[in-house]
Amino acid sequence: MTRHIPNFLTFMRIGLTPVLVLFVAIGGPSGAWLSAGVFLVAALTDLIDGHAARALSAESRLGRIMDPIADKLLVVTAMIVLVWAGPLDGIHIIPVLIILWRDMLVAGLRELTASEGGAVHVSPLAQIKTGVQMVALFVLLIAPAIPFGPIHLIGLVLLWIAAALTVASAVEYFRSESKP
């Protein structure tokens, strides 16, 4: 039974993405609190599922395939609803595009490497990028519920930092894969 916990967490993250959209659509402070809460729970499942798989010796082929898909669905959904709802507009769409482009390129690299029998491993820099990105998206989701202070600005700054880390980690991935 415990062997299924990591995959359950991964599929839970996938299931939470439409709930995130629903709560952002509600709008206002209530929608912001609810969407940020759902995002936080989903982000924590991302943190926990890999550790649980290793700790329970429950790593599976399904988990290796679905975990990055679940991660991308969560992040892409959050960015799309933030653009749709308005907190991300104008020049602040650039970090969204950078993150999306990098994720598509790395997904392609993973597919190519897997077809050749290899694997692309997540680098420490990519893990830091993911952490900063998750915090940025959480802050931007909750910002409409906090009408005082620079919370929205903090979220934007973190998103730009995540975009810079995204570029650095993409360069790192492609350098490591281009070595014989």
N, C-alpha and C. Protein backbone atom coordinates (compact mmCIF):
# COMPACT_ATOMS: atom_id res chain seq x y z
N MET A 1 0.81 -1.20 0.00
CA MET A 1 0.00 0.00 0.00
C MET A 1 0.86 1.27 0.00
N THR A 2 1.89 1.32 0.83
CA THR A 2 2.72 2.52 0.91
C THR A 2 3.48 2.76 -0.39
N ARG A 3 3.66 1.72 -1.19
CA ARG A 3 4.36 1.87 -2.46
C ARG A 3 3.60 2.80 -3.41
N HIS A 4 2.31 2.98 -3.18
CA HIS A 4 1.49 3.80 -4.07
C HIS A 4 1.43 5.27 -3.64
N ILE A 5 1.95 5.59 -2.47
CA ILE A 5 1.88 6.97 -1.96
C ILE A 5 2.53 7.97 -2.91
N PRO A 6 3.76 7.74 -3.40
CA PRO A 6 4.36 8.74 -4.29
C PRO A 6 3.54 9.00 -5.55
N ASN A 7 3.02 7.94 -6.18
CA ASN A 7 2.20 8.14 -7.38
C ASN A 7 0.88 8.82 -7.03
N PHE A 8 0.31 8.49 -5.88
CA PHE A 8 -0.91 9.17 -5.43
C PHE A 8 -0.66 10.67 -5.31
N LEU A 9 0.48 11.04 -4.72
CA LEU A 9 0.81 12.47 -4.57
C LEU A 9 0.98 13.14 -5.92
N THR A 10 1.60 12.44 -6.86
CA THR A 10 1.79 12.99 -8.20
C THR A 10 0.44 13.23 -8.87
N PHE A 11 -0.46 12.23 -8.80
CA PHE A 11 -1.76 12.38 -9.43
C PHE A 11 -2.64 13.39 -8.68
N MET A 12 -2.41 13.53 -7.39
CA MET A 12 -3.11 14.56 -6.63
C MET A 12 -2.73 15.94 -7.14
N ARG A 13 -1.44 16.13 -7.43
CA ARG A 13 -0.96 17.41 -7.96
C ARG A 13 -1.65 17.71 -9.29
N ILE A 14 -1.79 16.71 -10.13
CA ILE A 14 -2.48 16.89 -11.41
C ILE A 14 -3.94 17.27 -11.17
N GLY A 15 -4.58 16.59 -10.24
CA GLY A 15 -5.98 16.86 -9.93
C GLY A 15 -6.22 18.23 -9.33
N LEU A 16 -5.23 18.78 -8.66
CA LEU A 16 -5.38 20.09 -8.03
C LEU A 16 -5.28 21.24 -9.03
N THR A 17 -4.72 21.00 -10.22
CA THR A 17 -4.54 22.10 -11.16
C THR A 17 -5.86 22.72 -11.62
N PRO A 18 -6.91 21.94 -11.96
CA PRO A 18 -8.17 22.61 -12.31
C PRO A 18 -8.82 23.31 -11.12
N VAL A 19 -8.57 22.82 -9.92
CA VAL A 19 -9.09 23.48 -8.72
C VAL A 19 -8.43 24.85 -8.57
N LEU A 20 -7.14 24.91 -8.86
CA LEU A 20 -6.41 26.18 -8.84
C LEU A 20 -7.08 27.18 -9.79
N VAL A 21 -7.38 26.73 -11.00
CA VAL A 21 -8.02 27.61 -11.99
C VAL A 21 -9.38 28.10 -11.46
N LEU A 22 -10.14 27.21 -10.90
CA LEU A 22 -11.46 27.57 -10.36
C LEU A 22 -11.34 28.66 -9.31
N PHE A 23 -10.40 28.51 -8.38
CA PHE A 23 -10.28 29.49 -7.30
C PHE A 23 -9.75 30.82 -7.81
N VAL A 24 -8.86 30.81 -8.79
CA VAL A 24 -8.41 32.09 -9.36
C VAL A 24 -9.59 32.77 -10.05
N ALA A 25 -10.44 31.96 -10.72
CA ALA A 25 -11.60 32.53 -11.41
C ALA A 25 -12.59 33.16 -10.43
N ILE A 26 -12.67 32.64 -9.22
CA ILE A 26 -13.55 33.23 -8.21
C ILE A 26 -13.13 34.67 -7.94
N GLY A 27 -11.81 34.90 -7.92
CA GLY A 27 -11.29 36.24 -7.73
C GLY A 27 -11.44 36.75 -6.32
N GLY A 28 -11.01 37.97 -6.13
CA GLY A 28 -11.09 38.61 -4.82
C GLY A 28 -10.17 37.96 -3.80
N PRO A 29 -10.21 38.46 -2.59
CA PRO A 29 -9.36 37.90 -1.53
C PRO A 29 -9.62 36.42 -1.26
N SER A 30 -10.89 36.01 -1.29
CA SER A 30 -11.21 34.59 -1.04
C SER A 30 -10.59 33.69 -2.09
N GLY A 31 -10.75 34.06 -3.35
CA GLY A 31 -10.16 33.29 -4.44
C GLY A 31 -8.65 33.25 -4.35
N ALA A 32 -8.05 34.37 -3.95
CA ALA A 32 -6.59 34.44 -3.83
C ALA A 32 -6.10 33.50 -2.72
N TRP A 33 -6.75 33.56 -1.56
CA TRP A 33 -6.35 32.67 -0.45
C TRP A 33 -6.52 31.21 -0.84
N LEU A 34 -7.66 30.89 -1.45
CA LEU A 34 -7.93 29.50 -1.82
C LEU A 34 -6.97 29.01 -2.90
N SER A 35 -6.73 29.84 -3.92
CA SER A 35 -5.82 29.41 -4.99
C SER A 35 -4.40 29.27 -4.48
N ALA A 36 -3.97 30.19 -3.62
CA ALA A 36 -2.63 30.08 -3.05
C ALA A 36 -2.52 28.84 -2.17
N GLY A 37 -3.58 28.53 -1.42
CA GLY A 37 -3.57 27.33 -0.58
C GLY A 37 -3.48 26.06 -1.40
N VAL A 38 -4.27 26.00 -2.48
CA VAL A 38 -4.23 24.83 -3.36
C VAL A 38 -2.84 24.71 -4.00
N PHE A 39 -2.30 25.83 -4.44
CA PHE A 39 -0.97 25.80 -5.05
C PHE A 39 0.07 25.32 -4.04
N LEU A 40 -0.02 25.80 -2.81
CA LEU A 40 0.93 25.40 -1.78
C LEU A 40 0.86 23.89 -1.52
N VAL A 41 -0.34 23.37 -1.39
CA VAL A 41 -0.50 21.92 -1.18
C VAL A 41 0.09 21.15 -2.37
N ALA A 42 -0.22 21.60 -3.59
CA ALA A 42 0.29 20.92 -4.77
C ALA A 42 1.81 21.01 -4.84
N ALA A 43 2.37 22.17 -4.52
CA ALA A 43 3.83 22.33 -4.54
C ALA A 43 4.48 21.43 -3.49
N LEU A 44 3.84 21.29 -2.35
CA LEU A 44 4.39 20.41 -1.31
C LEU A 44 4.36 18.95 -1.74
N THR A 45 3.34 18.55 -2.51
CA THR A 45 3.34 17.17 -3.02
C THR A 45 4.52 16.94 -3.95
N ASP A 46 4.91 17.99 -4.67
CA ASP A 46 6.09 17.88 -5.54
C ASP A 46 7.34 17.65 -4.70
N LEU A 47 7.42 18.34 -3.60
CA LEU A 47 8.58 18.19 -2.71
C LEU A 47 8.59 16.81 -2.05
N ILE A 48 7.43 16.32 -1.68
CA ILE A 48 7.33 15.09 -0.90
C ILE A 48 7.39 13.82 -1.75
N ASP A 49 6.80 13.82 -2.95
CA ASP A 49 6.65 12.55 -3.66
C ASP A 49 7.97 11.88 -4.02
N GLY A 50 8.95 12.65 -4.44
CA GLY A 50 10.25 12.06 -4.77
C GLY A 50 10.95 11.49 -3.54
N HIS A 51 10.89 12.25 -2.45
CA HIS A 51 11.49 11.77 -1.20
C HIS A 51 10.78 10.51 -0.72
N ALA A 52 9.45 10.49 -0.83
CA ALA A 52 8.68 9.33 -0.40
C ALA A 52 9.02 8.11 -1.26
N ALA A 53 9.16 8.33 -2.56
CA ALA A 53 9.48 7.21 -3.45
C ALA A 53 10.81 6.57 -3.07
N ARG A 54 11.80 7.41 -2.78
CA ARG A 54 13.11 6.87 -2.40
C ARG A 54 13.06 6.23 -1.02
N ALA A 55 12.41 6.88 -0.06
CA ALA A 55 12.35 6.37 1.31
C ALA A 55 11.58 5.06 1.39
N LEU A 56 10.55 4.91 0.57
CA LEU A 56 9.72 3.71 0.61
C LEU A 56 10.16 2.66 -0.41
N SER A 57 11.28 2.96 -1.09
CA SER A 57 11.73 2.10 -2.20
C SER A 57 10.56 1.85 -3.17
N ALA A 58 9.89 2.92 -3.50
CA ALA A 58 8.69 2.83 -4.34
C ALA A 58 8.84 3.59 -5.64
N GLU A 59 10.07 3.75 -6.10
CA GLU A 59 10.26 4.42 -7.37
C GLU A 59 9.68 3.55 -8.48
N SER A 60 9.00 4.18 -9.41
CA SER A 60 8.37 3.41 -10.48
C SER A 60 8.56 4.13 -11.81
N ARG A 61 8.39 3.38 -12.86
CA ARG A 61 8.47 3.96 -14.21
C ARG A 61 7.37 4.99 -14.38
N LEU A 62 6.17 4.65 -13.92
CA LEU A 62 5.04 5.59 -14.00
C LEU A 62 5.36 6.89 -13.27
N GLY A 63 5.93 6.79 -12.09
CA GLY A 63 6.28 7.98 -11.32
C GLY A 63 7.34 8.82 -12.01
N ARG A 64 8.34 8.16 -12.60
CA ARG A 64 9.40 8.90 -13.31
C ARG A 64 8.84 9.64 -14.51
N ILE A 65 7.81 9.08 -15.13
CA ILE A 65 7.20 9.73 -16.29
C ILE A 65 6.23 10.83 -15.85
N MET A 66 5.38 10.52 -14.89
CA MET A 66 4.31 11.43 -14.51
C MET A 66 4.75 12.59 -13.63
N ASP A 67 5.78 12.41 -12.81
CA ASP A 67 6.20 13.49 -11.90
C ASP A 67 6.57 14.77 -12.65
N PRO A 68 7.44 14.70 -13.67
CA PRO A 68 7.74 15.96 -14.37
C PRO A 68 6.53 16.52 -15.12
N ILE A 69 5.64 15.65 -15.58
CA ILE A 69 4.43 16.13 -16.25
C ILE A 69 3.55 16.87 -15.25
N ALA A 70 3.38 16.30 -14.07
CA ALA A 70 2.58 16.95 -13.03
C ALA A 70 3.18 18.29 -12.63
N ASP A 71 4.52 18.33 -12.52
CA ASP A 71 5.19 19.59 -12.18
C ASP A 71 4.90 20.66 -13.22
N LYS A 72 5.05 20.28 -14.48
CA LYS A 72 4.84 21.25 -15.56
C LYS A 72 3.38 21.70 -15.62
N LEU A 73 2.44 20.76 -15.44
CA LEU A 73 1.03 21.14 -15.44
C LEU A 73 0.73 22.16 -14.36
N LEU A 74 1.28 21.95 -13.17
CA LEU A 74 1.04 22.87 -12.07
C LEU A 74 1.63 24.25 -12.36
N VAL A 75 2.88 24.28 -12.77
CA VAL A 75 3.56 25.56 -13.01
C VAL A 75 2.95 26.29 -14.20
N VAL A 76 2.72 25.58 -15.28
CA VAL A 76 2.15 26.22 -16.48
C VAL A 76 0.74 26.74 -16.17
N THR A 77 -0.05 25.94 -15.47
CA THR A 77 -1.40 26.38 -15.10
C THR A 77 -1.34 27.65 -14.25
N ALA A 78 -0.47 27.65 -13.26
CA ALA A 78 -0.36 28.83 -12.39
C ALA A 78 0.06 30.06 -13.20
N MET A 79 1.01 29.90 -14.09
CA MET A 79 1.45 31.06 -14.88
C MET A 79 0.35 31.54 -15.82
N ILE A 80 -0.36 30.61 -16.44
CA ILE A 80 -1.43 31.00 -17.36
C ILE A 80 -2.53 31.75 -16.62
N VAL A 81 -2.94 31.24 -15.46
CA VAL A 81 -4.02 31.94 -14.74
C VAL A 81 -3.56 33.28 -14.20
N LEU A 82 -2.27 33.40 -13.88
CA LEU A 82 -1.76 34.70 -13.42
C LEU A 82 -1.72 35.71 -14.56
N VAL A 83 -1.43 35.25 -15.77
CA VAL A 83 -1.50 36.14 -16.94
C VAL A 83 -2.96 36.48 -17.22
N TRP A 84 -3.82 35.48 -17.20
CA TRP A 84 -5.25 35.66 -17.47
C TRP A 84 -5.90 36.60 -16.45
N ALA A 85 -5.57 36.41 -15.17
CA ALA A 85 -6.21 37.19 -14.11
C ALA A 85 -5.60 38.59 -13.97
N GLY A 86 -4.42 38.81 -14.55
CA GLY A 86 -3.87 40.15 -14.57
C GLY A 86 -2.62 40.44 -13.76
N PRO A 87 -2.27 39.66 -12.72
CA PRO A 87 -1.06 40.01 -11.98
C PRO A 87 0.22 39.95 -12.82
N LEU A 88 0.19 39.16 -13.88
CA LEU A 88 1.34 39.10 -14.78
C LEU A 88 0.91 39.68 -16.12
N ASP A 89 1.43 40.85 -16.43
CA ASP A 89 1.12 41.46 -17.71
C ASP A 89 2.31 42.28 -18.18
N GLY A 90 2.17 42.80 -19.38
CA GLY A 90 3.24 43.64 -19.93
C GLY A 90 4.57 42.91 -19.96
N ILE A 91 5.58 43.60 -19.53
CA ILE A 91 6.95 43.06 -19.56
C ILE A 91 7.11 41.82 -18.66
N HIS A 92 6.22 41.66 -17.70
CA HIS A 92 6.32 40.55 -16.76
C HIS A 92 5.86 39.22 -17.36
N ILE A 93 5.43 39.25 -18.61
CA ILE A 93 5.13 38.01 -19.32
C ILE A 93 6.44 37.39 -19.83
N ILE A 94 7.49 38.18 -19.95
CA ILE A 94 8.78 37.66 -20.44
C ILE A 94 9.32 36.52 -19.57
N PRO A 95 9.36 36.64 -18.23
CA PRO A 95 9.85 35.50 -17.46
C PRO A 95 8.97 34.26 -17.62
N VAL A 96 7.68 34.46 -17.81
CA VAL A 96 6.78 33.32 -18.06
C VAL A 96 7.20 32.61 -19.33
N LEU A 97 7.44 33.37 -20.39
CA LEU A 97 7.87 32.77 -21.66
C LEU A 97 9.22 32.08 -21.54
N ILE A 98 10.14 32.69 -20.83
CA ILE A 98 11.46 32.08 -20.63
C ILE A 98 11.32 30.73 -19.93
N ILE A 99 10.51 30.70 -18.88
CA ILE A 99 10.33 29.46 -18.13
C ILE A 99 9.65 28.40 -18.99
N LEU A 100 8.63 28.79 -19.73
CA LEU A 100 7.94 27.84 -20.61
C LEU A 100 8.86 27.31 -21.69
N TRP A 101 9.61 28.18 -22.33
CA TRP A 101 10.51 27.74 -23.40
C TRP A 101 11.55 26.77 -22.87
N ARG A 102 12.14 27.09 -21.74
CA ARG A 102 13.16 26.21 -21.16
C ARG A 102 12.57 24.85 -20.82
N ASP A 103 11.38 24.86 -20.24
CA ASP A 103 10.76 23.60 -19.87
C ASP A 103 10.48 22.73 -21.09
N MET A 104 10.06 23.35 -22.18
CA MET A 104 9.82 22.58 -23.41
C MET A 104 11.13 22.05 -23.98
N LEU A 105 12.18 22.87 -23.96
CA LEU A 105 13.47 22.42 -24.47
C LEU A 105 14.03 21.28 -23.63
N VAL A 106 13.96 21.39 -22.32
CA VAL A 106 14.47 20.33 -21.45
C VAL A 106 13.62 19.07 -21.59
N ALA A 107 12.30 19.22 -21.77
CA ALA A 107 11.44 18.05 -21.99
C ALA A 107 11.86 17.33 -23.26
N GLY A 108 12.15 18.09 -24.31
CA GLY A 108 12.64 17.49 -25.55
C GLY A 108 13.98 16.81 -25.36
N LEU A 109 14.86 17.44 -24.60
CA LEU A 109 16.16 16.84 -24.31
C LEU A 109 16.00 15.55 -23.54
N ARG A 110 15.10 15.54 -22.56
CA ARG A 110 14.83 14.32 -21.78
C ARG A 110 14.32 13.20 -22.69
N GLU A 111 13.41 13.55 -23.60
CA GLU A 111 12.85 12.56 -24.52
C GLU A 111 13.94 11.99 -25.42
N LEU A 112 14.77 12.85 -25.96
CA LEU A 112 15.87 12.41 -26.81
C LEU A 112 16.82 11.50 -26.04
N THR A 113 17.20 11.93 -24.86
CA THR A 113 18.13 11.15 -24.04
C THR A 113 17.52 9.81 -23.66
N ALA A 114 16.23 9.80 -23.31
CA ALA A 114 15.55 8.55 -22.95
C ALA A 114 15.48 7.60 -24.15
N SER A 115 15.27 8.15 -25.34
CA SER A 115 15.20 7.30 -26.53
C SER A 115 16.54 6.64 -26.84
N GLU A 116 17.62 7.24 -26.32
CA GLU A 116 18.95 6.67 -26.49
C GLU A 116 19.38 5.84 -25.28
N GLY A 117 18.43 5.61 -24.36
CA GLY A 117 18.72 4.78 -23.20
C GLY A 117 19.33 5.52 -22.02
N GLY A 118 19.40 6.82 -22.09
CA GLY A 118 19.99 7.61 -21.01
C GLY A 118 18.92 8.31 -20.18
N ALA A 119 19.39 9.20 -19.34
CA ALA A 119 18.48 9.98 -18.50
C ALA A 119 19.10 11.35 -18.24
N VAL A 120 18.26 12.35 -18.16
CA VAL A 120 18.69 13.68 -17.79
C VAL A 120 18.33 13.86 -16.32
N HIS A 121 19.32 14.05 -15.50
CA HIS A 121 19.09 14.18 -14.06
C HIS A 121 18.91 15.65 -13.69
N VAL A 122 18.10 15.87 -12.69
CA VAL A 122 17.82 17.23 -12.22
C VAL A 122 19.05 17.74 -11.48
N SER A 123 19.53 18.89 -11.90
CA SER A 123 20.72 19.48 -11.28
C SER A 123 20.34 20.27 -10.03
N PRO A 124 21.29 20.51 -9.15
CA PRO A 124 21.00 21.35 -7.98
C PRO A 124 20.52 22.75 -8.39
N LEU A 125 21.08 23.31 -9.45
CA LEU A 125 20.63 24.62 -9.92
C LEU A 125 19.17 24.58 -10.36
N ALA A 126 18.78 23.51 -11.05
CA ALA A 126 17.39 23.38 -11.48
C ALA A 126 16.47 23.22 -10.28
N GLN A 127 16.92 22.57 -9.23
CA GLN A 127 16.11 22.45 -8.02
C GLN A 127 15.92 23.81 -7.34
N ILE A 128 16.98 24.60 -7.33
CA ILE A 128 16.88 25.96 -6.76
C ILE A 128 15.92 26.79 -7.60
N LYS A 129 16.04 26.68 -8.92
CA LYS A 129 15.14 27.39 -9.84
C LYS A 129 13.70 27.01 -9.55
N THR A 130 13.44 25.73 -9.38
CA THR A 130 12.08 25.28 -9.11
C THR A 130 11.57 25.85 -7.79
N GLY A 131 12.42 25.85 -6.77
CA GLY A 131 12.02 26.40 -5.48
C GLY A 131 11.68 27.88 -5.56
N VAL A 132 12.53 28.65 -6.22
CA VAL A 132 12.28 30.10 -6.36
C VAL A 132 11.02 30.33 -7.19
N GLN A 133 10.85 29.56 -8.24
CA GLN A 133 9.69 29.67 -9.10
C GLN A 133 8.40 29.37 -8.33
N MET A 134 8.42 28.32 -7.52
CA MET A 134 7.23 27.96 -6.73
C MET A 134 6.89 29.05 -5.72
N VAL A 135 7.90 29.59 -5.06
CA VAL A 135 7.66 30.68 -4.09
C VAL A 135 7.10 31.91 -4.82
N ALA A 136 7.69 32.23 -5.97
CA ALA A 136 7.21 33.39 -6.75
C ALA A 136 5.75 33.23 -7.13
N LEU A 137 5.39 32.06 -7.63
CA LEU A 137 4.00 31.84 -8.05
C LEU A 137 3.05 31.87 -6.86
N PHE A 138 3.47 31.28 -5.75
CA PHE A 138 2.64 31.34 -4.53
C PHE A 138 2.40 32.79 -4.11
N VAL A 139 3.48 33.57 -4.08
CA VAL A 139 3.37 34.98 -3.67
C VAL A 139 2.46 35.75 -4.62
N LEU A 140 2.60 35.52 -5.92
CA LEU A 140 1.74 36.21 -6.89
C LEU A 140 0.28 35.78 -6.78
N LEU A 141 0.05 34.51 -6.44
CA LEU A 141 -1.33 34.04 -6.26
C LEU A 141 -1.98 34.65 -5.02
N ILE A 142 -1.20 34.83 -3.97
CA ILE A 142 -1.77 35.33 -2.72
C ILE A 142 -1.82 36.87 -2.68
N ALA A 143 -1.05 37.52 -3.54
CA ALA A 143 -0.93 38.98 -3.52
C ALA A 143 -2.28 39.72 -3.55
N PRO A 144 -3.26 39.28 -4.35
CA PRO A 144 -4.54 40.02 -4.35
C PRO A 144 -5.26 40.01 -3.00
N ALA A 145 -4.92 39.08 -2.14
CA ALA A 145 -5.57 39.00 -0.82
C ALA A 145 -4.87 39.89 0.21
N ILE A 146 -3.71 40.43 -0.16
CA ILE A 146 -2.93 41.25 0.78
C ILE A 146 -2.76 42.63 0.15
N PRO A 147 -3.66 43.55 0.45
CA PRO A 147 -3.68 44.85 -0.23
C PRO A 147 -2.62 45.84 0.26
N PHE A 148 -1.78 45.44 1.17
CA PHE A 148 -0.78 46.36 1.70
C PHE A 148 0.61 45.77 1.49
N GLY A 149 1.59 46.63 1.49
CA GLY A 149 2.98 46.18 1.35
C GLY A 149 3.32 45.80 -0.07
N PRO A 150 4.57 45.45 -0.26
CA PRO A 150 5.07 45.19 -1.62
C PRO A 150 4.98 43.72 -2.05
N ILE A 151 3.95 43.00 -1.59
CA ILE A 151 3.88 41.55 -1.86
C ILE A 151 3.89 41.24 -3.36
N HIS A 152 3.14 42.00 -4.14
CA HIS A 152 3.10 41.77 -5.60
C HIS A 152 4.48 42.01 -6.21
N LEU A 153 5.14 43.08 -5.79
CA LEU A 153 6.48 43.39 -6.28
C LEU A 153 7.47 42.28 -5.91
N ILE A 154 7.36 41.77 -4.69
CA ILE A 154 8.24 40.66 -4.27
C ILE A 154 8.02 39.46 -5.18
N GLY A 155 6.77 39.14 -5.48
CA GLY A 155 6.47 38.03 -6.39
C GLY A 155 7.07 38.24 -7.76
N LEU A 156 6.97 39.47 -8.28
CA LEU A 156 7.54 39.77 -9.60
C LEU A 156 9.05 39.64 -9.60
N VAL A 157 9.69 40.17 -8.57
CA VAL A 157 11.16 40.07 -8.48
C VAL A 157 11.58 38.59 -8.42
N LEU A 158 10.88 37.81 -7.61
CA LEU A 158 11.20 36.38 -7.52
C LEU A 158 11.00 35.67 -8.86
N LEU A 159 9.96 36.06 -9.60
CA LEU A 159 9.72 35.44 -10.90
C LEU A 159 10.85 35.77 -11.87
N TRP A 160 11.33 37.00 -11.86
CA TRP A 160 12.46 37.38 -12.72
C TRP A 160 13.73 36.62 -12.30
N ILE A 161 13.93 36.44 -11.00
CA ILE A 161 15.07 35.65 -10.53
C ILE A 161 14.93 34.21 -11.01
N ALA A 162 13.72 33.67 -10.91
CA ALA A 162 13.47 32.30 -11.40
C ALA A 162 13.78 32.20 -12.89
N ALA A 163 13.42 33.23 -13.65
CA ALA A 163 13.71 33.23 -15.09
C ALA A 163 15.21 33.23 -15.35
N ALA A 164 15.96 34.01 -14.58
CA ALA A 164 17.42 34.02 -14.74
C ALA A 164 18.01 32.65 -14.39
N LEU A 165 17.52 32.05 -13.32
CA LEU A 165 17.97 30.71 -12.95
C LEU A 165 17.55 29.69 -14.00
N THR A 166 16.42 29.93 -14.64
CA THR A 166 15.94 29.06 -15.71
C THR A 166 16.92 29.04 -16.88
N VAL A 167 17.38 30.22 -17.27
CA VAL A 167 18.35 30.32 -18.36
C VAL A 167 19.65 29.62 -17.97
N ALA A 168 20.12 29.88 -16.75
CA ALA A 168 21.37 29.27 -16.29
C ALA A 168 21.24 27.75 -16.24
N SER A 169 20.13 27.24 -15.77
CA SER A 169 19.98 25.78 -15.69
C SER A 169 19.83 25.16 -17.07
N ALA A 170 19.20 25.88 -18.01
CA ALA A 170 19.10 25.37 -19.38
C ALA A 170 20.48 25.26 -20.01
N VAL A 171 21.30 26.29 -19.82
CA VAL A 171 22.67 26.25 -20.33
C VAL A 171 23.42 25.07 -19.72
N GLU A 172 23.24 24.88 -18.42
CA GLU A 172 23.88 23.77 -17.72
C GLU A 172 23.44 22.42 -18.29
N TYR A 173 22.14 22.23 -18.52
CA TYR A 173 21.63 20.98 -19.08
C TYR A 173 22.24 20.71 -20.45
N PHE A 174 22.21 21.73 -21.31
CA PHE A 174 22.67 21.52 -22.67
C PHE A 174 24.18 21.34 -22.74
N ARG A 175 24.91 21.99 -21.86
CA ARG A 175 26.37 21.76 -21.79
C ARG A 175 26.67 20.32 -21.36
N SER A 176 25.97 19.85 -20.34
CA SER A 176 26.22 18.51 -19.83
C SER A 176 25.82 17.45 -20.86
N GLU A 177 24.79 17.71 -21.64
CA GLU A 177 24.34 16.74 -22.64
C GLU A 177 25.18 16.79 -23.91
N SER A 178 25.90 17.88 -24.14
CA SER A 178 26.70 17.97 -25.36
C SER A 178 28.08 17.34 -25.18
N LYS A 179 28.42 16.98 -23.95
CA LYS A 179 29.70 16.32 -23.69
C LYS A 179 29.59 14.85 -24.10
N PRO A 180 30.67 14.32 -24.71
CA PRO A 180 30.62 12.91 -25.12
C PRO A 180 30.56 11.95 -23.97
